[in-house]
Amino acid sequence: MKNLKMKKEFKVISDLLPNNTRVLDVGCGDGSLMSFLEKEKNIEVRGLELNQDKVQQCIHKGLPVIQGNAETELHQFPNQSFDYVVLSQTLQAFYDPEKVLKDLLRVGKSVIISIPNFGFWKVRANLLFFGKMPVTKTLPNTWYNTPNLHMCTIKDLFDFCDEKNIKIKKVVGVNEDKTSLIKKSNLEVKNLFSKLGIFLIG
């Protein structure tokens, strides 16, 4: 759900994007981030969204959007057709996140991914003390109605990029209104105290 509460995430993503670039927002929701980038950064932005209602909301805002599933539709975009591809809090909902990541890296020269961090201390505490799947602001669904199929931590995604030789250019941890840079040297601590991880890879 992309709403006003997510503005900190959008601000971090926006700061990672240079002005006057071409950006594809995959799973663009109601187009909030797209609108922001268009107005604030003069970015030429396109959206890909599965949900029909959200596609309509984008169209009402005058935003260029295609209805489709990132898992099956990304093949239609040519190689390196965008400077950046943004995937906000959706990676964990795909059946085959590795395939989607490959496609994103093919379509964009660089890719920005944000993930809700399953390694956040409150999530760990929930499991440890209550023995139940956690429900938090960034993970608002219960185990049986969640769209999330592949939950991961910031550390998991870090290791995955290492393993697949994907270059990590920058990682930002977000906790409420605070942001911090994540490097290998502080990964353990930041994985514990960040609700969201935002990766710039390519």
C-alpha atoms as a PDB file:
ATOM      1  CA  MET A   1       0.000   0.000   0.000  1.00  0.00           C
ATOM      2  CA  LYS A   2       1.633   3.210  -1.140  1.00  0.00           C
ATOM      3  CA  ASN A   3       0.261   6.097   0.880  1.00  0.00           C
ATOM      4  CA  LEU A   4       1.393   9.161   2.803  1.00  0.00           C
ATOM      5  CA  LYS A   5       3.098   7.048   5.450  1.00  0.00           C
ATOM      6  CA  MET A   6       5.476   5.867   2.754  1.00  0.00           C
ATOM      7  CA  LYS A   7       6.752   9.351   1.993  1.00  0.00           C
ATOM      8  CA  LYS A   8      10.109   8.731   3.691  1.00  0.00           C
ATOM      9  CA  GLU A   9      10.692   5.777   1.369  1.00  0.00           C
ATOM     10  CA  PHE A  10       9.720   7.894  -1.660  1.00  0.00           C
ATOM     11  CA  LYS A  11      12.089  10.658  -0.522  1.00  0.00           C
ATOM     12  CA  VAL A  12      14.996   8.188  -0.314  1.00  0.00           C
ATOM     13  CA  ILE A  13      14.139   6.715  -3.739  1.00  0.00           C
ATOM     14  CA  SER A  14      13.815  10.194  -5.224  1.00  0.00           C
ATOM     15  CA  ASP A  15      17.223  11.200  -3.800  1.00  0.00           C
ATOM     16  CA  LEU A  16      18.797   8.179  -5.518  1.00  0.00           C
ATOM     17  CA  LEU A  17      17.396   9.264  -8.903  1.00  0.00           C
ATOM     18  CA  PRO A  18      19.119  12.009 -10.919  1.00  0.00           C
ATOM     19  CA  ASN A  19      16.948  14.669 -12.584  1.00  0.00           C
ATOM     20  CA  ASN A  20      15.926  14.314 -16.246  1.00  0.00           C
ATOM     21  CA  THR A  21      16.207  10.521 -16.403  1.00  0.00           C
ATOM     22  CA  ARG A  22      13.884   7.807 -17.736  1.00  0.00           C
ATOM     23  CA  VAL A  23      12.309   5.693 -14.998  1.00  0.00           C
ATOM     24  CA  LEU A  24      10.011   2.664 -15.011  1.00  0.00           C
ATOM     25  CA  ASP A  25       8.020   2.231 -11.773  1.00  0.00           C
ATOM     26  CA  VAL A  26       7.079  -1.459 -11.518  1.00  0.00           C
ATOM     27  CA  GLY A  27       4.046  -2.042  -9.308  1.00  0.00           C
ATOM     28  CA  CYS A  28       3.433   1.701  -9.340  1.00  0.00           C
ATOM     29  CA  GLY A  29       0.220   1.539  -7.288  1.00  0.00           C
ATOM     30  CA  ASP A  30      -1.863   4.722  -7.537  1.00  0.00           C
ATOM     31  CA  GLY A  31       1.059   6.613  -9.110  1.00  0.00           C
ATOM     32  CA  SER A  32       2.056   8.628  -6.008  1.00  0.00           C
ATOM     33  CA  LEU A  33       5.776   8.085  -6.562  1.00  0.00           C
ATOM     34  CA  MET A  34       5.435   8.698 -10.309  1.00  0.00           C
ATOM     35  CA  SER A  35       3.661  12.025  -9.727  1.00  0.00           C
ATOM     36  CA  PHE A  36       6.314  13.056  -7.231  1.00  0.00           C
ATOM     37  CA  LEU A  37       9.192  12.211  -9.606  1.00  0.00           C
ATOM     38  CA  GLU A  38       7.552  13.923 -12.549  1.00  0.00           C
ATOM     39  CA  LYS A  39       6.929  17.156 -10.614  1.00  0.00           C
ATOM     40  CA  GLU A  40      10.011  17.297  -8.395  1.00  0.00           C
ATOM     41  CA  LYS A  41      12.733  15.811 -10.588  1.00  0.00           C
ATOM     42  CA  ASN A  42      11.511  16.335 -14.145  1.00  0.00           C
ATOM     43  CA  ILE A  43      11.787  12.581 -14.657  1.00  0.00           C
ATOM     44  CA  GLU A  44      10.177  10.881 -17.640  1.00  0.00           C
ATOM     45  CA  VAL A  45       8.323   8.127 -15.837  1.00  0.00           C
ATOM     46  CA  ARG A  46       6.238   5.109 -16.893  1.00  0.00           C
ATOM     47  CA  GLY A  47       4.300   2.724 -14.690  1.00  0.00           C
ATOM     48  CA  LEU A  48       3.468  -0.985 -14.757  1.00  0.00           C
ATOM     49  CA  GLU A  49       0.628  -2.032 -12.427  1.00  0.00           C
ATOM     50  CA  LEU A  50      -1.465  -5.173 -12.071  1.00  0.00           C
ATOM     51  CA  ASN A  51      -4.452  -3.746 -10.182  1.00  0.00           C
ATOM     52  CA  GLN A  52      -7.145  -2.305 -12.506  1.00  0.00           C
ATOM     53  CA  ASP A  53      -8.395   0.279  -9.965  1.00  0.00           C
ATOM     54  CA  LYS A  54      -4.893   1.609  -9.377  1.00  0.00           C
ATOM     55  CA  VAL A  55      -4.276   1.768 -13.129  1.00  0.00           C
ATOM     56  CA  GLN A  56      -7.415   3.924 -13.385  1.00  0.00           C
ATOM     57  CA  GLN A  57      -6.135   6.193 -10.601  1.00  0.00           C
ATOM     58  CA  CYS A  58      -2.866   6.677 -12.519  1.00  0.00           C
ATOM     59  CA  ILE A  59      -4.777   7.461 -15.718  1.00  0.00           C
ATOM     60  CA  HIS A  60      -6.905  10.045 -13.862  1.00  0.00           C
ATOM     61  CA  LYS A  61      -3.665  11.703 -12.748  1.00  0.00           C
ATOM     62  CA  GLY A  62      -2.509  11.798 -16.385  1.00  0.00           C
ATOM     63  CA  LEU A  63       0.290   9.301 -15.780  1.00  0.00           C
ATOM     64  CA  PRO A  64       1.448   6.860 -18.482  1.00  0.00           C
ATOM     65  CA  VAL A  65       0.765   3.370 -17.154  1.00  0.00           C
ATOM     66  CA  ILE A  66       0.442  -0.144 -18.577  1.00  0.00           C
ATOM     67  CA  GLN A  67      -1.704  -2.737 -16.877  1.00  0.00           C
ATOM     68  CA  GLY A  68       0.250  -5.940 -16.454  1.00  0.00           C
ATOM     69  CA  ASN A  69       2.064  -8.369 -14.205  1.00  0.00           C
ATOM     70  CA  ALA A  70       5.794  -7.734 -13.778  1.00  0.00           C
ATOM     71  CA  GLU A  71       6.336 -11.481 -13.562  1.00  0.00           C
ATOM     72  CA  THR A  72       5.085 -11.989 -17.134  1.00  0.00           C
ATOM     73  CA  GLU A  73       5.138  -8.565 -18.850  1.00  0.00           C
ATOM     74  CA  LEU A  74       8.679  -7.241 -18.417  1.00  0.00           C
ATOM     75  CA  HIS A  75       9.883  -9.151 -21.486  1.00  0.00           C
ATOM     76  CA  GLN A  76       8.101  -6.600 -23.705  1.00  0.00           C
ATOM     77  CA  PHE A  77      10.496  -3.817 -22.657  1.00  0.00           C
ATOM     78  CA  PRO A  78      13.725  -3.606 -24.680  1.00  0.00           C
ATOM     79  CA  ASN A  79      17.150  -4.009 -23.051  1.00  0.00           C
ATOM     80  CA  GLN A  80      18.372  -0.932 -21.154  1.00  0.00           C
ATOM     81  CA  SER A  81      15.269   1.016 -22.220  1.00  0.00           C
ATOM     82  CA  PHE A  82      15.215   2.933 -18.905  1.00  0.00           C
ATOM     83  CA  ASP A  83      17.944   4.612 -16.895  1.00  0.00           C
ATOM     84  CA  TYR A  84      16.356   3.287 -13.694  1.00  0.00           C
ATOM     85  CA  VAL A  85      13.716   0.741 -12.785  1.00  0.00           C
ATOM     86  CA  VAL A  86      12.027   1.107  -9.384  1.00  0.00           C
ATOM     87  CA  LEU A  87      10.405  -1.783  -7.542  1.00  0.00           C
ATOM     88  CA  SER A  88       8.900  -0.634  -4.251  1.00  0.00           C
ATOM     89  CA  GLN A  89       8.029  -3.281  -1.635  1.00  0.00           C
ATOM     90  CA  THR A  90       6.905  -5.857  -4.202  1.00  0.00           C
ATOM     91  CA  LEU A  91       9.844  -8.255  -4.657  1.00  0.00           C
ATOM     92  CA  GLN A  92       8.624 -10.535  -1.865  1.00  0.00           C
ATOM     93  CA  ALA A  93       5.232 -11.007  -3.573  1.00  0.00           C
ATOM     94  CA  PHE A  94       6.576 -12.638  -6.755  1.00  0.00           C
ATOM     95  CA  TYR A  95       6.587 -16.398  -7.366  1.00  0.00           C
ATOM     96  CA  ASP A  96      10.057 -16.153  -8.899  1.00  0.00           C
ATOM     97  CA  PRO A  97      11.855 -13.074  -7.532  1.00  0.00           C
ATOM     98  CA  GLU A  98      15.163 -14.109  -9.104  1.00  0.00           C
ATOM     99  CA  LYS A  99      13.647 -14.076 -12.605  1.00  0.00           C
ATOM    100  CA  VAL A 100      12.001 -10.690 -11.956  1.00  0.00           C
ATOM    101  CA  LEU A 101      15.314  -9.254 -10.732  1.00  0.00           C
ATOM    102  CA  LYS A 102      17.074 -10.493 -13.877  1.00  0.00           C
ATOM    103  CA  ASP A 103      14.400  -8.807 -16.004  1.00  0.00           C
ATOM    104  CA  LEU A 104      14.648  -5.543 -14.043  1.00  0.00           C
ATOM    105  CA  LEU A 105      18.433  -5.510 -14.490  1.00  0.00           C
ATOM    106  CA  ARG A 106      17.981  -6.126 -18.207  1.00  0.00           C
ATOM    107  CA  VAL A 107      15.393  -3.351 -18.708  1.00  0.00           C
ATOM    108  CA  GLY A 108      17.106  -0.737 -16.528  1.00  0.00           C
ATOM    109  CA  LYS A 109      20.699   0.460 -16.455  1.00  0.00           C
ATOM    110  CA  SER A 110      20.270   0.575 -12.669  1.00  0.00           C
ATOM    111  CA  VAL A 111      17.566  -0.793 -10.385  1.00  0.00           C
ATOM    112  CA  ILE A 112      16.179   0.509  -7.089  1.00  0.00           C
ATOM    113  CA  ILE A 113      14.463  -2.079  -4.898  1.00  0.00           C
ATOM    114  CA  SER A 114      12.876  -1.522  -1.520  1.00  0.00           C
ATOM    115  CA  ILE A 115      11.941  -4.417   0.757  1.00  0.00           C
ATOM    116  CA  PRO A 116      10.181  -4.656   4.109  1.00  0.00           C
ATOM    117  CA  ASN A 117      12.921  -6.079   6.325  1.00  0.00           C
ATOM    118  CA  PHE A 118      12.015  -9.397   7.920  1.00  0.00           C
ATOM    119  CA  GLY A 119      15.181  -9.067  10.035  1.00  0.00           C
ATOM    120  CA  PHE A 120      13.876  -5.962  11.884  1.00  0.00           C
ATOM    121  CA  TRP A 121      14.061  -6.494  15.669  1.00  0.00           C
ATOM    122  CA  LYS A 122      10.295  -6.149  16.258  1.00  0.00           C
ATOM    123  CA  VAL A 123       9.637  -8.840  13.655  1.00  0.00           C
ATOM    124  CA  ARG A 124      12.207 -11.118  15.313  1.00  0.00           C
ATOM    125  CA  ALA A 125      10.782 -10.379  18.772  1.00  0.00           C
ATOM    126  CA  ASN A 126       7.262 -11.255  17.605  1.00  0.00           C
ATOM    127  CA  LEU A 127       8.423 -14.648  16.422  1.00  0.00           C
ATOM    128  CA  LEU A 128      10.635 -15.238  19.441  1.00  0.00           C
ATOM    129  CA  PHE A 129       8.237 -14.204  22.211  1.00  0.00           C
ATOM    130  CA  PHE A 130       4.824 -14.937  20.736  1.00  0.00           C
ATOM    131  CA  GLY A 131       5.738 -17.695  18.286  1.00  0.00           C
ATOM    132  CA  LYS A 132       3.528 -16.117  15.640  1.00  0.00           C
ATOM    133  CA  MET A 133       4.107 -14.574  12.232  1.00  0.00           C
ATOM    134  CA  PRO A 134       4.557 -10.845  12.854  1.00  0.00           C
ATOM    135  CA  VAL A 135       2.089  -8.125  11.885  1.00  0.00           C
ATOM    136  CA  THR A 136       3.706  -4.671  11.733  1.00  0.00           C
ATOM    137  CA  LYS A 137       3.266  -1.390   9.831  1.00  0.00           C
ATOM    138  CA  THR A 138       5.510  -2.598   7.023  1.00  0.00           C
ATOM    139  CA  LEU A 139       4.065  -6.146   7.164  1.00  0.00           C
ATOM    140  CA  PRO A 140       0.372  -5.450   7.831  1.00  0.00           C
ATOM    141  CA  ASN A 141      -1.139  -8.787   6.707  1.00  0.00           C
ATOM    142  CA  THR A 142      -1.679 -11.982   8.654  1.00  0.00           C
ATOM    143  CA  TRP A 143      -0.004 -15.203   7.511  1.00  0.00           C
ATOM    144  CA  TYR A 144      -3.072 -16.507   5.625  1.00  0.00           C
ATOM    145  CA  ASN A 145      -3.959 -13.384   3.621  1.00  0.00           C
ATOM    146  CA  THR A 146      -0.532 -11.940   2.914  1.00  0.00           C
ATOM    147  CA  PRO A 147       0.582 -11.419  -0.693  1.00  0.00           C
ATOM    148  CA  ASN A 148       4.154 -12.048   0.487  1.00  0.00           C
ATOM    149  CA  LEU A 149       5.538 -15.371  -0.705  1.00  0.00           C
ATOM    150  CA  HIS A 150       9.277 -14.832  -0.249  1.00  0.00           C
ATOM    151  CA  MET A 151      10.008 -12.749   2.817  1.00  0.00           C
ATOM    152  CA  CYS A 152      13.647 -11.749   3.111  1.00  0.00           C
ATOM    153  CA  THR A 153      15.917  -9.580   5.203  1.00  0.00           C
ATOM    154  CA  ILE A 154      18.302  -6.815   4.154  1.00  0.00           C
ATOM    155  CA  LYS A 155      21.111  -9.292   4.815  1.00  0.00           C
ATOM    156  CA  ASP A 156      19.469 -11.913   2.570  1.00  0.00           C
ATOM    157  CA  LEU A 157      19.270  -9.493  -0.362  1.00  0.00           C
ATOM    158  CA  PHE A 158      22.847  -8.330   0.288  1.00  0.00           C
ATOM    159  CA  ASP A 159      24.059 -11.961   0.179  1.00  0.00           C
ATOM    160  CA  PHE A 160      21.932 -12.732  -2.886  1.00  0.00           C
ATOM    161  CA  CYS A 161      23.503  -9.844  -4.843  1.00  0.00           C
ATOM    162  CA  ASP A 162      26.969 -11.018  -3.764  1.00  0.00           C
ATOM    163  CA  GLU A 163      26.247 -14.576  -4.823  1.00  0.00           C
ATOM    164  CA  LYS A 164      24.861 -13.537  -8.225  1.00  0.00           C
ATOM    165  CA  ASN A 165      27.605 -10.944  -8.864  1.00  0.00           C
ATOM    166  CA  ILE A 166      25.089  -8.094  -8.929  1.00  0.00           C
ATOM    167  CA  LYS A 167      26.812  -4.810  -8.127  1.00  0.00           C
ATOM    168  CA  ILE A 168      25.428  -3.074  -5.034  1.00  0.00           C
ATOM    169  CA  LYS A 169      25.939   0.673  -5.496  1.00  0.00           C
ATOM    170  CA  LYS A 170      24.187   1.871  -2.348  1.00  0.00           C
ATOM    171  CA  VAL A 171      21.931   0.538   0.413  1.00  0.00           C
ATOM    172  CA  VAL A 172      19.826   2.754   2.669  1.00  0.00           C
ATOM    173  CA  GLY A 173      18.081   1.547   5.813  1.00  0.00           C
ATOM    174  CA  VAL A 174      14.867   3.301   6.836  1.00  0.00           C
ATOM    175  CA  ASN A 175      13.380   3.298  10.331  1.00  0.00           C
ATOM    176  CA  GLU A 176      10.503   5.762  10.868  1.00  0.00           C
ATOM    177  CA  ASP A 177      12.012   9.112   9.841  1.00  0.00           C
ATOM    178  CA  LYS A 178      15.628   8.054  10.179  1.00  0.00           C
ATOM    179  CA  THR A 179      17.752   6.795   7.320  1.00  0.00           C
ATOM    180  CA  SER A 180      21.269   5.388   7.389  1.00  0.00           C
ATOM    181  CA  LEU A 181      23.748   3.959   4.919  1.00  0.00           C
ATOM    182  CA  ILE A 182      24.261   0.215   5.101  1.00  0.00           C
ATOM    183  CA  LYS A 183      27.642  -1.322   4.312  1.00  0.00           C
ATOM    184  CA  LYS A 184      29.127  -4.757   4.896  1.00  0.00           C
ATOM    185  CA  SER A 185      30.794  -3.453   8.066  1.00  0.00           C
ATOM    186  CA  ASN A 186      27.515  -2.444   9.763  1.00  0.00           C
ATOM    187  CA  LEU A 187      25.183  -4.931   8.055  1.00  0.00           C
ATOM    188  CA  GLU A 188      24.374  -6.988  11.176  1.00  0.00           C
ATOM    189  CA  VAL A 189      23.291  -3.942  13.200  1.00  0.00           C
ATOM    190  CA  LYS A 190      21.415  -2.196  10.389  1.00  0.00           C
ATOM    191  CA  ASN A 191      19.604  -5.440   9.528  1.00  0.00           C
ATOM    192  CA  LEU A 192      18.327  -5.442  13.116  1.00  0.00           C
ATOM    193  CA  PHE A 193      17.228  -1.798  13.258  1.00  0.00           C
ATOM    194  CA  SER A 194      15.888  -0.989   9.766  1.00  0.00           C
ATOM    195  CA  LYS A 195      12.219  -1.504   8.911  1.00  0.00           C
ATOM    196  CA  LEU A 196      12.912  -1.073   5.205  1.00  0.00           C
ATOM    197  CA  GLY A 197      15.935  -1.644   3.020  1.00  0.00           C
ATOM    198  CA  ILE A 198      16.371   0.354  -0.203  1.00  0.00           C
ATOM    199  CA  PHE A 199      18.953  -1.047  -2.622  1.00  0.00           C
ATOM    200  CA  LEU A 200      20.492   0.665  -5.651  1.00  0.00           C
ATOM    201  CA  ILE A 201      21.947  -2.095  -7.819  1.00  0.00           C
ATOM    202  CA  GLY A 202      23.119  -2.499 -11.381  1.00  0.00           C
END
